[in-house]
Amino acid sequence: MIPANATLHVTALSTLKVVLNNRNISTTLSSTANLLLVYLLSTEQPHAREAVAELFWPERQAKQAASNLRTLLSALRKSCGDHVVITRTTVGVEPTHVAYDVAD
């Protein structure tokens, strides 16, 4: 069930689609950014940035992976606003105004 006040709608069971305030933003996000958003929604908890960087860029040195993650998080923040919660050590999704079809 989609919350009445949801402003971010993510569909992952068919073709991936991310809609913010009735605007499809999945096409403006990189495939990696879309995957990270789905990963964060699926796990329903904040993750250590270091662990996410290692998961998404296992072949990179830790410093390069962290840099890649910072760039990715910046793009997600610009596209998704406060729906993505980023701290110095963790990254997660604020589920209050998010509708995610897998969770339904």
PDB file of N, CA and C in Angstrom:
ATOM      1  N   MET A   1       0.845  -1.183   0.000  1.00  0.00           N
ATOM      2  CA  MET A   1       0.000   0.000   0.000  1.00  0.00           C
ATOM      3  C   MET A   1       0.887   1.241   0.000  1.00  0.00           C
ATOM      4  N   ILE A   2       0.606   2.180  -0.885  1.00  0.00           N
ATOM      5  CA  ILE A   2       1.394   3.400  -1.003  1.00  0.00           C
ATOM      6  C   ILE A   2       0.883   4.420   0.005  1.00  0.00           C
ATOM      7  N   PRO A   3       1.779   4.942   0.847  1.00  0.00           N
ATOM      8  CA  PRO A   3       1.351   5.974   1.795  1.00  0.00           C
ATOM      9  C   PRO A   3       0.789   7.181   1.044  1.00  0.00           C
ATOM     10  N   ALA A   4      -0.273   7.755   1.551  1.00  0.00           N
ATOM     11  CA  ALA A   4      -0.927   8.889   0.893  1.00  0.00           C
ATOM     12  C   ALA A   4       0.008  10.082   0.739  1.00  0.00           C
ATOM     13  N   ASN A   5       0.953  10.235   1.656  1.00  0.00           N
ATOM     14  CA  ASN A   5       1.855  11.389   1.610  1.00  0.00           C
ATOM     15  C   ASN A   5       3.196  11.059   0.966  1.00  0.00           C
ATOM     16  N   ALA A   6       3.315   9.904   0.313  1.00  0.00           N
ATOM     17  CA  ALA A   6       4.583   9.529  -0.315  1.00  0.00           C
ATOM     18  C   ALA A   6       4.897  10.474  -1.461  1.00  0.00           C
ATOM     19  N   THR A   7       6.117  10.887  -1.530  1.00  0.00           N
ATOM     20  CA  THR A   7       6.541  11.728  -2.633  1.00  0.00           C
ATOM     21  C   THR A   7       7.584  11.027  -3.491  1.00  0.00           C
ATOM     22  N   LEU A   8       8.192   9.968  -2.968  1.00  0.00           N
ATOM     23  CA  LEU A   8       9.156   9.186  -3.736  1.00  0.00           C
ATOM     24  C   LEU A   8       8.562   7.799  -3.930  1.00  0.00           C
ATOM     25  N   HIS A   9       8.367   7.412  -5.183  1.00  0.00           N
ATOM     26  CA  HIS A   9       7.808   6.104  -5.518  1.00  0.00           C
ATOM     27  C   HIS A   9       8.877   5.318  -6.270  1.00  0.00           C
ATOM     28  N   VAL A  10       9.200   4.128  -5.776  1.00  0.00           N
ATOM     29  CA  VAL A  10      10.205   3.289  -6.416  1.00  0.00           C
ATOM     30  C   VAL A  10       9.561   1.961  -6.787  1.00  0.00           C
ATOM     31  N   THR A  11       9.647   1.627  -8.067  1.00  0.00           N
ATOM     32  CA  THR A  11       9.157   0.352  -8.578  1.00  0.00           C
ATOM     33  C   THR A  11      10.367  -0.463  -8.994  1.00  0.00           C
ATOM     34  N   ALA A  12      10.523  -1.653  -8.421  1.00  0.00           N
ATOM     35  CA  ALA A  12      11.675  -2.490  -8.744  1.00  0.00           C
ATOM     36  C   ALA A  12      11.276  -3.890  -9.202  1.00  0.00           C
ATOM     37  N   LEU A  13      10.004  -4.244  -9.063  1.00  0.00           N
ATOM     38  CA  LEU A  13       9.581  -5.595  -9.423  1.00  0.00           C
ATOM     39  C   LEU A  13       9.464  -5.798 -10.929  1.00  0.00           C
ATOM     40  N   SER A  14       9.320  -4.757 -11.678  1.00  0.00           N
ATOM     41  CA  SER A  14       9.332  -4.854 -13.135  1.00  0.00           C
ATOM     42  C   SER A  14      10.492  -3.988 -13.609  1.00  0.00           C
ATOM     43  N   THR A  15      10.266  -3.112 -14.532  1.00  0.00           N
ATOM     44  CA  THR A  15      11.302  -2.168 -14.942  1.00  0.00           C
ATOM     45  C   THR A  15      11.518  -1.157 -13.826  1.00  0.00           C
ATOM     46  N   LEU A  16      12.775  -0.934 -13.476  1.00  0.00           N
ATOM     47  CA  LEU A  16      13.082  -0.002 -12.392  1.00  0.00           C
ATOM     48  C   LEU A  16      12.599   1.397 -12.756  1.00  0.00           C
ATOM     49  N   LYS A  17      11.880   1.991 -11.830  1.00  0.00           N
ATOM     50  CA  LYS A  17      11.370   3.343 -12.039  1.00  0.00           C
ATOM     51  C   LYS A  17      11.402   4.080 -10.707  1.00  0.00           C
ATOM     52  N   VAL A  18      11.980   5.268 -10.713  1.00  0.00           N
ATOM     53  CA  VAL A  18      12.040   6.124  -9.532  1.00  0.00           C
ATOM     54  C   VAL A  18      11.320   7.420  -9.882  1.00  0.00           C
ATOM     55  N   VAL A  19      10.251   7.702  -9.156  1.00  0.00           N
ATOM     56  CA  VAL A  19       9.429   8.883  -9.438  1.00  0.00           C
ATOM     57  C   VAL A  19       9.409   9.767  -8.196  1.00  0.00           C
ATOM     58  N   LEU A  20       9.796  11.008  -8.366  1.00  0.00           N
ATOM     59  CA  LEU A  20       9.789  11.984  -7.278  1.00  0.00           C
ATOM     60  C   LEU A  20       8.816  13.090  -7.639  1.00  0.00           C
ATOM     61  N   ASN A  21       7.801  13.270  -6.795  1.00  0.00           N
ATOM     62  CA  ASN A  21       6.780  14.299  -7.034  1.00  0.00           C
ATOM     63  C   ASN A  21       6.230  14.229  -8.461  1.00  0.00           C
ATOM     64  N   ASN A  22       5.857  13.017  -8.869  1.00  0.00           N
ATOM     65  CA  ASN A  22       5.261  12.745 -10.182  1.00  0.00           C
ATOM     66  C   ASN A  22       6.208  12.956 -11.357  1.00  0.00           C
ATOM     67  N   ARG A  23       7.513  13.000 -11.114  1.00  0.00           N
ATOM     68  CA  ARG A  23       8.502  13.160 -12.183  1.00  0.00           C
ATOM     69  C   ARG A  23       9.439  11.965 -12.169  1.00  0.00           C
ATOM     70  N   ASN A  24       9.574  11.275 -13.303  1.00  0.00           N
ATOM     71  CA  ASN A  24      10.461  10.122 -13.403  1.00  0.00           C
ATOM     72  C   ASN A  24      11.913  10.601 -13.359  1.00  0.00           C
ATOM     73  N   ILE A  25      12.621  10.248 -12.282  1.00  0.00           N
ATOM     74  CA  ILE A  25      14.022  10.652 -12.170  1.00  0.00           C
ATOM     75  C   ILE A  25      14.973   9.481 -12.393  1.00  0.00           C
ATOM     76  N   SER A  26      14.434   8.277 -12.606  1.00  0.00           N
ATOM     77  CA  SER A  26      15.308   7.116 -12.786  1.00  0.00           C
ATOM     78  C   SER A  26      16.173   7.260 -14.031  1.00  0.00           C
ATOM     79  N   THR A  27      15.686   7.974 -15.032  1.00  0.00           N
ATOM     80  CA  THR A  27      16.467   8.153 -16.251  1.00  0.00           C
ATOM     81  C   THR A  27      17.577   9.185 -16.076  1.00  0.00           C
ATOM     82  N   THR A  28      17.474  10.032 -15.067  1.00  0.00           N
ATOM     83  CA  THR A  28      18.523  11.029 -14.828  1.00  0.00           C
ATOM     84  C   THR A  28      19.590  10.511 -13.875  1.00  0.00           C
ATOM     85  N   LEU A  29      19.287   9.414 -13.167  1.00  0.00           N
ATOM     86  CA  LEU A  29      20.257   8.808 -12.253  1.00  0.00           C
ATOM     87  C   LEU A  29      21.077   7.765 -12.995  1.00  0.00           C
ATOM     88  N   SER A  30      22.317   7.595 -12.592  1.00  0.00           N
ATOM     89  CA  SER A  30      23.132   6.530 -13.173  1.00  0.00           C
ATOM     90  C   SER A  30      22.581   5.180 -12.740  1.00  0.00           C
ATOM     91  N   SER A  31      22.954   4.139 -13.451  1.00  0.00           N
ATOM     92  CA  SER A  31      22.496   2.798 -13.067  1.00  0.00           C
ATOM     93  C   SER A  31      22.994   2.439 -11.675  1.00  0.00           C
ATOM     94  N   THR A  32      24.191   2.879 -11.330  1.00  0.00           N
ATOM     95  CA  THR A  32      24.731   2.604  -9.995  1.00  0.00           C
ATOM     96  C   THR A  32      23.930   3.343  -8.930  1.00  0.00           C
ATOM     97  N   ALA A  33      23.539   4.572  -9.204  1.00  0.00           N
ATOM     98  CA  ALA A  33      22.728   5.333  -8.246  1.00  0.00           C
ATOM     99  C   ALA A  33      21.367   4.676  -8.052  1.00  0.00           C
ATOM    100  N   ASN A  34      20.755   4.226  -9.136  1.00  0.00           N
ATOM    101  CA  ASN A  34      19.484   3.512  -9.025  1.00  0.00           C
ATOM    102  C   ASN A  34      19.645   2.245  -8.197  1.00  0.00           C
ATOM    103  N   LEU A  35      20.711   1.490  -8.443  1.00  0.00           N
ATOM    104  CA  LEU A  35      20.954   0.256  -7.686  1.00  0.00           C
ATOM    105  C   LEU A  35      21.178   0.542  -6.208  1.00  0.00           C
ATOM    106  N   LEU A  36      21.916   1.597  -5.908  1.00  0.00           N
ATOM    107  CA  LEU A  36      22.150   1.942  -4.505  1.00  0.00           C
ATOM    108  C   LEU A  36      20.836   2.305  -3.819  1.00  0.00           C
ATOM    109  N   LEU A  37      20.002   3.055  -4.484  1.00  0.00           N
ATOM    110  CA  LEU A  37      18.713   3.429  -3.905  1.00  0.00           C
ATOM    111  C   LEU A  37      17.869   2.185  -3.614  1.00  0.00           C
ATOM    112  N   VAL A  38      17.818   1.255  -4.548  1.00  0.00           N
ATOM    113  CA  VAL A  38      17.063   0.012  -4.347  1.00  0.00           C
ATOM    114  C   VAL A  38      17.674  -0.804  -3.215  1.00  0.00           C
ATOM    115  N   TYR A  39      18.999  -0.867  -3.168  1.00  0.00           N
ATOM    116  CA  TYR A  39      19.674  -1.602  -2.088  1.00  0.00           C
ATOM    117  C   TYR A  39      19.305  -1.016  -0.725  1.00  0.00           C
ATOM    118  N   LEU A  40      19.373   0.285  -0.602  1.00  0.00           N
ATOM    119  CA  LEU A  40      19.060   0.936   0.673  1.00  0.00           C
ATOM    120  C   LEU A  40      17.600   0.738   1.056  1.00  0.00           C
ATOM    121  N   LEU A  41      16.708   0.789   0.086  1.00  0.00           N
ATOM    122  CA  LEU A  41      15.289   0.557   0.368  1.00  0.00           C
ATOM    123  C   LEU A  41      15.033  -0.893   0.765  1.00  0.00           C
ATOM    124  N   SER A  42      15.714  -1.814   0.110  1.00  0.00           N
ATOM    125  CA  SER A  42      15.503  -3.242   0.370  1.00  0.00           C
ATOM    126  C   SER A  42      15.966  -3.663   1.750  1.00  0.00           C
ATOM    127  N   THR A  43      17.031  -3.064   2.215  1.00  0.00           N
ATOM    128  CA  THR A  43      17.590  -3.465   3.506  1.00  0.00           C
ATOM    129  C   THR A  43      16.952  -2.722   4.671  1.00  0.00           C
ATOM    130  N   GLU A  44      16.304  -1.597   4.393  1.00  0.00           N
ATOM    131  CA  GLU A  44      15.549  -0.830   5.394  1.00  0.00           C
ATOM    132  C   GLU A  44      16.355  -0.411   6.619  1.00  0.00           C
ATOM    133  N   GLN A  45      17.628  -0.156   6.435  1.00  0.00           N
ATOM    134  CA  GLN A  45      18.451   0.301   7.553  1.00  0.00           C
ATOM    135  C   GLN A  45      19.638   1.088   7.013  1.00  0.00           C
ATOM    136  N   PRO A  46      20.206   1.966   7.828  1.00  0.00           N
ATOM    137  CA  PRO A  46      21.410   2.681   7.399  1.00  0.00           C
ATOM    138  C   PRO A  46      22.589   1.712   7.320  1.00  0.00           C
ATOM    139  N   HIS A  47      23.516   2.022   6.439  1.00  0.00           N
ATOM    140  CA  HIS A  47      24.714   1.199   6.273  1.00  0.00           C
ATOM    141  C   HIS A  47      25.955   2.062   6.415  1.00  0.00           C
ATOM    142  N   ALA A  48      27.008   1.463   6.907  1.00  0.00           N
ATOM    143  CA  ALA A  48      28.286   2.162   6.995  1.00  0.00           C
ATOM    144  C   ALA A  48      28.741   2.508   5.578  1.00  0.00           C
ATOM    145  N   ARG A  49      29.167   3.726   5.403  1.00  0.00           N
ATOM    146  CA  ARG A  49      29.621   4.165   4.082  1.00  0.00           C
ATOM    147  C   ARG A  49      30.762   3.294   3.579  1.00  0.00           C
ATOM    148  N   GLU A  50      31.649   2.919   4.483  1.00  0.00           N
ATOM    149  CA  GLU A  50      32.784   2.076   4.110  1.00  0.00           C
ATOM    150  C   GLU A  50      32.308   0.739   3.537  1.00  0.00           C
ATOM    151  N   ALA A  51      31.298   0.145   4.161  1.00  0.00           N
ATOM    152  CA  ALA A  51      30.765  -1.141   3.695  1.00  0.00           C
ATOM    153  C   ALA A  51      30.086  -0.999   2.334  1.00  0.00           C
ATOM    154  N   VAL A  52      29.357   0.082   2.135  1.00  0.00           N
ATOM    155  CA  VAL A  52      28.685   0.316   0.854  1.00  0.00           C
ATOM    156  C   VAL A  52      29.719   0.514  -0.248  1.00  0.00           C
ATOM    157  N   ALA A  53      30.752   1.285   0.036  1.00  0.00           N
ATOM    158  CA  ALA A  53      31.808   1.515  -0.950  1.00  0.00           C
ATOM    159  C   ALA A  53      32.473   0.197  -1.339  1.00  0.00           C
ATOM    160  N   GLU A  54      32.738  -0.643  -0.371  1.00  0.00           N
ATOM    161  CA  GLU A  54      33.367  -1.937  -0.646  1.00  0.00           C
ATOM    162  C   GLU A  54      32.426  -2.845  -1.439  1.00  0.00           C
ATOM    163  N   LEU A  55      31.139  -2.799  -1.129  1.00  0.00           N
ATOM    164  CA  LEU A  55      30.155  -3.618  -1.831  1.00  0.00           C
ATOM    165  C   LEU A  55      30.025  -3.209  -3.296  1.00  0.00           C
ATOM    166  N   PHE A  56      29.996  -1.910  -3.561  1.00  0.00           N
ATOM    167  CA  PHE A  56      29.779  -1.425  -4.919  1.00  0.00           C
ATOM    168  C   PHE A  56      31.050  -1.351  -5.757  1.00  0.00           C
ATOM    169  N   TRP A  57      32.207  -1.207  -5.116  1.00  0.00           N
ATOM    170  CA  TRP A  57      33.470  -1.122  -5.845  1.00  0.00           C
ATOM    171  C   TRP A  57      34.517  -2.030  -5.205  1.00  0.00           C
ATOM    172  N   PRO A  58      34.300  -3.344  -5.214  1.00  0.00           N
ATOM    173  CA  PRO A  58      35.217  -4.263  -4.525  1.00  0.00           C
ATOM    174  C   PRO A  58      36.614  -4.306  -5.146  1.00  0.00           C
ATOM    175  N   GLU A  59      36.716  -3.945  -6.412  1.00  0.00           N
ATOM    176  CA  GLU A  59      38.008  -4.006  -7.099  1.00  0.00           C
ATOM    177  C   GLU A  59      38.849  -2.749  -6.873  1.00  0.00           C
ATOM    178  N   ARG A  60      38.291  -1.745  -6.264  1.00  0.00           N
ATOM    179  CA  ARG A  60      38.984  -0.465  -6.046  1.00  0.00           C
ATOM    180  C   ARG A  60      39.653  -0.415  -4.671  1.00  0.00           C
ATOM    181  N   GLN A  61      40.673   0.410  -4.583  1.00  0.00           N
ATOM    182  CA  GLN A  61      41.282   0.700  -3.289  1.00  0.00           C
ATOM    183  C   GLN A  61      40.243   1.441  -2.447  1.00  0.00           C
ATOM    184  N   ALA A  62      40.349   1.335  -1.145  1.00  0.00           N
ATOM    185  CA  ALA A  62      39.362   1.935  -0.238  1.00  0.00           C
ATOM    186  C   ALA A  62      39.192   3.435  -0.488  1.00  0.00           C
ATOM    187  N   LYS A  63      40.288   4.136  -0.726  1.00  0.00           N
ATOM    188  CA  LYS A  63      40.223   5.587  -0.943  1.00  0.00           C
ATOM    189  C   LYS A  63      39.448   5.922  -2.225  1.00  0.00           C
ATOM    190  N   GLN A  64      39.696   5.165  -3.296  1.00  0.00           N
ATOM    191  CA  GLN A  64      38.993   5.400  -4.558  1.00  0.00           C
ATOM    192  C   GLN A  64      37.521   5.020  -4.440  1.00  0.00           C
ATOM    193  N   ALA A  65      37.234   3.909  -3.757  1.00  0.00           N
ATOM    194  CA  ALA A  65      35.843   3.483  -3.557  1.00  0.00           C
ATOM    195  C   ALA A  65      35.080   4.535  -2.754  1.00  0.00           C
ATOM    196  N   ALA A  66      35.713   5.093  -1.727  1.00  0.00           N
ATOM    197  CA  ALA A  66      35.075   6.136  -0.918  1.00  0.00           C
ATOM    198  C   ALA A  66      34.805   7.383  -1.760  1.00  0.00           C
ATOM    199  N   SER A  67      35.724   7.719  -2.633  1.00  0.00           N
ATOM    200  CA  SER A  67      35.537   8.864  -3.523  1.00  0.00           C
ATOM    201  C   SER A  67      34.379   8.614  -4.488  1.00  0.00           C
ATOM    202  N   ASN A  68      34.319   7.415  -5.045  1.00  0.00           N
ATOM    203  CA  ASN A  68      33.208   7.056  -5.934  1.00  0.00           C
ATOM    204  C   ASN A  68      31.873   7.171  -5.199  1.00  0.00           C
ATOM    205  N   LEU A  69      31.848   6.699  -3.959  1.00  0.00           N
ATOM    206  CA  LEU A  69      30.616   6.753  -3.172  1.00  0.00           C
ATOM    207  C   LEU A  69      30.208   8.196  -2.890  1.00  0.00           C
ATOM    208  N   ARG A  70      31.160   9.052  -2.555  1.00  0.00           N
ATOM    209  CA  ARG A  70      30.841  10.467  -2.308  1.00  0.00           C
ATOM    210  C   ARG A  70      30.186  11.097  -3.540  1.00  0.00           C
ATOM    211  N   THR A  71      30.736  10.803  -4.702  1.00  0.00           N
ATOM    212  CA  THR A  71      30.182  11.334  -5.948  1.00  0.00           C
ATOM    213  C   THR A  71      28.765  10.816  -6.173  1.00  0.00           C
ATOM    214  N   LEU A  72      28.581   9.527  -5.947  1.00  0.00           N
ATOM    215  CA  LEU A  72      27.270   8.906  -6.114  1.00  0.00           C
ATOM    216  C   LEU A  72      26.255   9.470  -5.131  1.00  0.00           C
ATOM    217  N   LEU A  73      26.662   9.640  -3.880  1.00  0.00           N
ATOM    218  CA  LEU A  73      25.760  10.176  -2.861  1.00  0.00           C
ATOM    219  C   LEU A  73      25.383  11.623  -3.157  1.00  0.00           C
ATOM    220  N   SER A  74      26.309  12.375  -3.697  1.00  0.00           N
ATOM    221  CA  SER A  74      26.015  13.755  -4.077  1.00  0.00           C
ATOM    222  C   SER A  74      24.925  13.789  -5.153  1.00  0.00           C
ATOM    223  N   ALA A  75      25.036  12.910  -6.130  1.00  0.00           N
ATOM    224  CA  ALA A  75      24.026  12.841  -7.193  1.00  0.00           C
ATOM    225  C   ALA A  75      22.674  12.400  -6.634  1.00  0.00           C
ATOM    226  N   LEU A  76      22.689  11.424  -5.725  1.00  0.00           N
ATOM    227  CA  LEU A  76      21.437  10.967  -5.113  1.00  0.00           C
ATOM    228  C   LEU A  76      20.794  12.070  -4.282  1.00  0.00           C
ATOM    229  N   ARG A  77      21.603  12.798  -3.544  1.00  0.00           N
ATOM    230  CA  ARG A  77      21.081  13.895  -2.715  1.00  0.00           C
ATOM    231  C   ARG A  77      20.429  14.962  -3.595  1.00  0.00           C
ATOM    232  N   LYS A  78      21.076  15.285  -4.716  1.00  0.00           N
ATOM    233  CA  LYS A  78      20.513  16.291  -5.626  1.00  0.00           C
ATOM    234  C   LYS A  78      19.197  15.820  -6.234  1.00  0.00           C
ATOM    235  N   SER A  79      19.113  14.539  -6.534  1.00  0.00           N
ATOM    236  CA  SER A  79      17.916  14.003  -7.180  1.00  0.00           C
ATOM    237  C   SER A  79      16.798  13.652  -6.214  1.00  0.00           C
ATOM    238  N   CYS A  80      17.158  13.131  -5.044  1.00  0.00           N
ATOM    239  CA  CYS A  80      16.156  12.597  -4.102  1.00  0.00           C
ATOM    240  C   CYS A  80      15.978  13.441  -2.855  1.00  0.00           C
ATOM    241  N   GLY A  81      16.794  14.451  -2.676  1.00  0.00           N
ATOM    242  CA  GLY A  81      16.662  15.331  -1.518  1.00  0.00           C
ATOM    243  C   GLY A  81      16.800  14.606  -0.197  1.00  0.00           C
ATOM    244  N   ASP A  82      15.927  14.944   0.733  1.00  0.00           N
ATOM    245  CA  ASP A  82      16.005  14.398   2.089  1.00  0.00           C
ATOM    246  C   ASP A  82      15.573  12.940   2.201  1.00  0.00           C
ATOM    247  N   HIS A  83      15.134  12.351   1.105  1.00  0.00           N
ATOM    248  CA  HIS A  83      14.768  10.931   1.151  1.00  0.00           C
ATOM    249  C   HIS A  83      15.999  10.059   1.379  1.00  0.00           C
ATOM    250  N   VAL A  84      17.149  10.544   0.948  1.00  0.00           N
ATOM    251  CA  VAL A  84      18.405   9.840   1.191  1.00  0.00           C
ATOM    252  C   VAL A  84      19.074  10.515   2.381  1.00  0.00           C
ATOM    253  N   VAL A  85      19.339   9.731   3.419  1.00  0.00           N
ATOM    254  CA  VAL A  85      19.928  10.258   4.653  1.00  0.00           C
ATOM    255  C   VAL A  85      21.411   9.919   4.654  1.00  0.00           C
ATOM    256  N   ILE A  86      22.227  10.957   4.620  1.00  0.00           N
ATOM    257  CA  ILE A  86      23.671  10.783   4.534  1.00  0.00           C
ATOM    258  C   ILE A  86      24.323  11.435   5.740  1.00  0.00           C
ATOM    259  N   THR A  87      25.120  10.656   6.451  1.00  0.00           N
ATOM    260  CA  THR A  87      25.918  11.204   7.548  1.00  0.00           C
ATOM    261  C   THR A  87      27.386  10.988   7.198  1.00  0.00           C
ATOM    262  N   ARG A  88      28.256  11.406   8.084  1.00  0.00           N
ATOM    263  CA  ARG A  88      29.689  11.210   7.844  1.00  0.00           C
ATOM    264  C   ARG A  88      30.056   9.733   7.785  1.00  0.00           C
ATOM    265  N   THR A  89      29.283   8.888   8.469  1.00  0.00           N
ATOM    266  CA  THR A  89      29.644   7.468   8.547  1.00  0.00           C
ATOM    267  C   THR A  89      28.614   6.510   7.950  1.00  0.00           C
ATOM    268  N   THR A  90      27.383   6.969   7.737  1.00  0.00           N
ATOM    269  CA  THR A  90      26.345   6.060   7.239  1.00  0.00           C
ATOM    270  C   THR A  90      25.548   6.662   6.087  1.00  0.00           C
ATOM    271  N   VAL A  91      24.822   5.786   5.419  1.00  0.00           N
ATOM    272  CA  VAL A  91      23.892   6.205   4.370  1.00  0.00           C
ATOM    273  C   VAL A  91      22.658   5.315   4.476  1.00  0.00           C
ATOM    274  N   GLY A  92      21.496   5.926   4.280  1.00  0.00           N
ATOM    275  CA  GLY A  92      20.242   5.185   4.360  1.00  0.00           C
ATOM    276  C   GLY A  92      19.142   5.954   3.658  1.00  0.00           C
ATOM    277  N   VAL A  93      17.922   5.470   3.826  1.00  0.00           N
ATOM    278  CA  VAL A  93      16.754   6.107   3.219  1.00  0.00           C
ATOM    279  C   VAL A  93      15.761   6.433   4.321  1.00  0.00           C
ATOM    280  N   GLU A  94      15.199   7.623   4.261  1.00  0.00           N
ATOM    281  CA  GLU A  94      14.134   8.020   5.185  1.00  0.00           C
ATOM    282  C   GLU A  94      12.831   7.472   4.611  1.00  0.00           C
ATOM    283  N   PRO A  95      12.271   6.428   5.209  1.00  0.00           N
ATOM    284  CA  PRO A  95      11.133   5.737   4.604  1.00  0.00           C
ATOM    285  C   PRO A  95       9.777   6.423   4.768  1.00  0.00           C
ATOM    286  N   THR A  96       9.710   7.490   5.525  1.00  0.00           N
ATOM    287  CA  THR A  96       8.432   8.114   5.847  1.00  0.00           C
ATOM    288  C   THR A  96       7.610   8.476   4.614  1.00  0.00           C
ATOM    289  N   HIS A  97       8.217   9.058   3.625  1.00  0.00           N
ATOM    290  CA  HIS A  97       7.491   9.504   2.434  1.00  0.00           C
ATOM    291  C   HIS A  97       7.966   8.766   1.188  1.00  0.00           C
ATOM    292  N   VAL A  98       8.216   7.459   1.354  1.00  0.00           N
ATOM    293  CA  VAL A  98       8.679   6.633   0.244  1.00  0.00           C
ATOM    294  C   VAL A  98       7.736   5.455   0.062  1.00  0.00           C
ATOM    295  N   ALA A  99       7.340   5.205  -1.167  1.00  0.00           N
ATOM    296  CA  ALA A  99       6.561   4.013  -1.510  1.00  0.00           C
ATOM    297  C   ALA A  99       7.464   3.103  -2.336  1.00  0.00           C
ATOM    298  N   TYR A 100       7.620   1.868  -1.891  1.00  0.00           N
ATOM    299  CA  TYR A 100       8.520   0.910  -2.540  1.00  0.00           C
ATOM    300  C   TYR A 100       7.739  -0.366  -2.802  1.00  0.00           C
ATOM    301  N   ASP A 101       7.577  -0.743  -4.065  1.00  0.00           N
ATOM    302  CA  ASP A 101       6.699  -1.863  -4.402  1.00  0.00           C
ATOM    303  C   ASP A 101       7.145  -3.196  -3.808  1.00  0.00           C
ATOM    304  N   VAL A 102       8.421  -3.408  -3.620  1.00  0.00           N
ATOM    305  CA  VAL A 102       8.913  -4.665  -3.055  1.00  0.00           C
ATOM    306  C   VAL A 102       8.467  -4.803  -1.603  1.00  0.00           C
ATOM    307  N   ALA A 103       8.392  -3.695  -0.893  1.00  0.00           N
ATOM    308  CA  ALA A 103       7.993  -3.719   0.517  1.00  0.00           C
ATOM    309  C   ALA A 103       6.497  -3.953   0.686  1.00  0.00           C
ATOM    310  N   ASP A 104       5.727  -3.680  -0.354  1.00  0.00           N
ATOM    311  CA  ASP A 104       4.262  -3.820  -0.254  1.00  0.00           C
ATOM    312  C   ASP A 104       3.838  -5.237  -0.293  1.00  0.00           C
TER     313      ASP A 104
END
